[in-house]
C-alpha atoms as a PDB file:
ATOM      1  CA  ILE A   1       0.077  -0.068  -0.058  1.00  0.00           C
ATOM      2  CA  PRO A   2       1.468   3.131  -0.809  1.00  0.00           C
ATOM      3  CA  GLY A   3       1.689   5.877   1.776  1.00  0.00           C
ATOM      4  CA  GLY A   4       1.353   3.494   4.283  1.00  0.00           C
ATOM      5  CA  ASN A   5       5.303   2.562   4.813  1.00  0.00           C
ATOM      6  CA  THR A   6       6.281   6.346   3.864  1.00  0.00           C
ATOM      7  CA  TYR A   7       4.440   7.898   6.583  1.00  0.00           C
ATOM      8  CA  GLY A   8       6.682   7.277   9.046  1.00  0.00           C
ATOM      9  CA  ASN A   9       9.933   7.863   6.765  1.00  0.00           C
ATOM     10  CA  ASP A  10       8.744  11.142   5.650  1.00  0.00           C
ATOM     11  CA  PRO A  11      10.491  13.590   6.704  1.00  0.00           C
ATOM     12  CA  ILE A  12       7.291  15.967   6.108  1.00  0.00           C
ATOM     13  CA  SER A  13       5.038  14.154   8.245  1.00  0.00           C
ATOM     14  CA  ARG A  14       7.727  13.619  10.959  1.00  0.00           C
ATOM     15  CA  ALA A  15       8.042  17.530  11.124  1.00  0.00           C
ATOM     16  CA  GLY A  16       4.225  17.895  11.115  1.00  0.00           C
ATOM     17  CA  ILE A  17       4.341  15.288  14.203  1.00  0.00           C
ATOM     18  CA  ASN A  18       6.824  17.155  15.898  1.00  0.00           C
ATOM     19  CA  THR A  19       5.381  20.364  15.646  1.00  0.00           C
ATOM     20  CA  LEU A  20       2.024  19.092  17.027  1.00  0.00           C
ATOM     21  CA  VAL A  21       3.783  17.460  20.051  1.00  0.00           C
ATOM     22  CA  LEU A  22       5.639  20.675  20.596  1.00  0.00           C
ATOM     23  CA  SER A  23       2.508  23.091  20.472  1.00  0.00           C
ATOM     24  CA  LEU A  24       0.798  20.550  22.762  1.00  0.00           C
ATOM     25  CA  ILE A  25       3.493  21.297  25.316  1.00  0.00           C
ATOM     26  CA  TRP A  26       3.756  24.975  25.083  1.00  0.00           C
ATOM     27  CA  ALA A  27       0.184  24.888  25.436  1.00  0.00           C
ATOM     28  CA  SER A  28      -0.071  22.681  28.432  1.00  0.00           C
ATOM     29  CA  LEU A  29       3.063  24.969  29.818  1.00  0.00           C
ATOM     30  CA  ALA A  30       1.078  28.298  29.073  1.00  0.00           C
ATOM     31  CA  TYR A  31      -2.072  26.760  30.951  1.00  0.00           C
ATOM     32  CA  ILE A  32      -0.195  25.904  33.970  1.00  0.00           C
ATOM     33  CA  LEU A  33       1.645  29.130  34.051  1.00  0.00           C
ATOM     34  CA  ILE A  34      -1.677  30.973  33.766  1.00  0.00           C
ATOM     35  CA  GLY A  35      -3.151  28.732  36.205  1.00  0.00           C
ATOM     36  CA  SER A  36      -0.724  29.726  38.956  1.00  0.00           C
ATOM     37  CA  ASN A  37      -0.469  33.079  37.871  1.00  0.00           C
ATOM     38  CA  MET A  38      -4.312  33.289  38.875  1.00  0.00           C
ATOM     39  CA  VAL A  39      -4.392  31.427  42.189  1.00  0.00           C
ATOM     40  CA  MET A  40      -1.150  33.951  43.044  1.00  0.00           C
END
């Protein structure tokens, strides 16, 4: 099946996944920082 194997090896797809993970991490960090600031 074309596209089934290339998904894991495609640099563009891998970069997209990395960007998504990084954005999720930054979003959670910002959420924690904003929440702690509101508590204080």
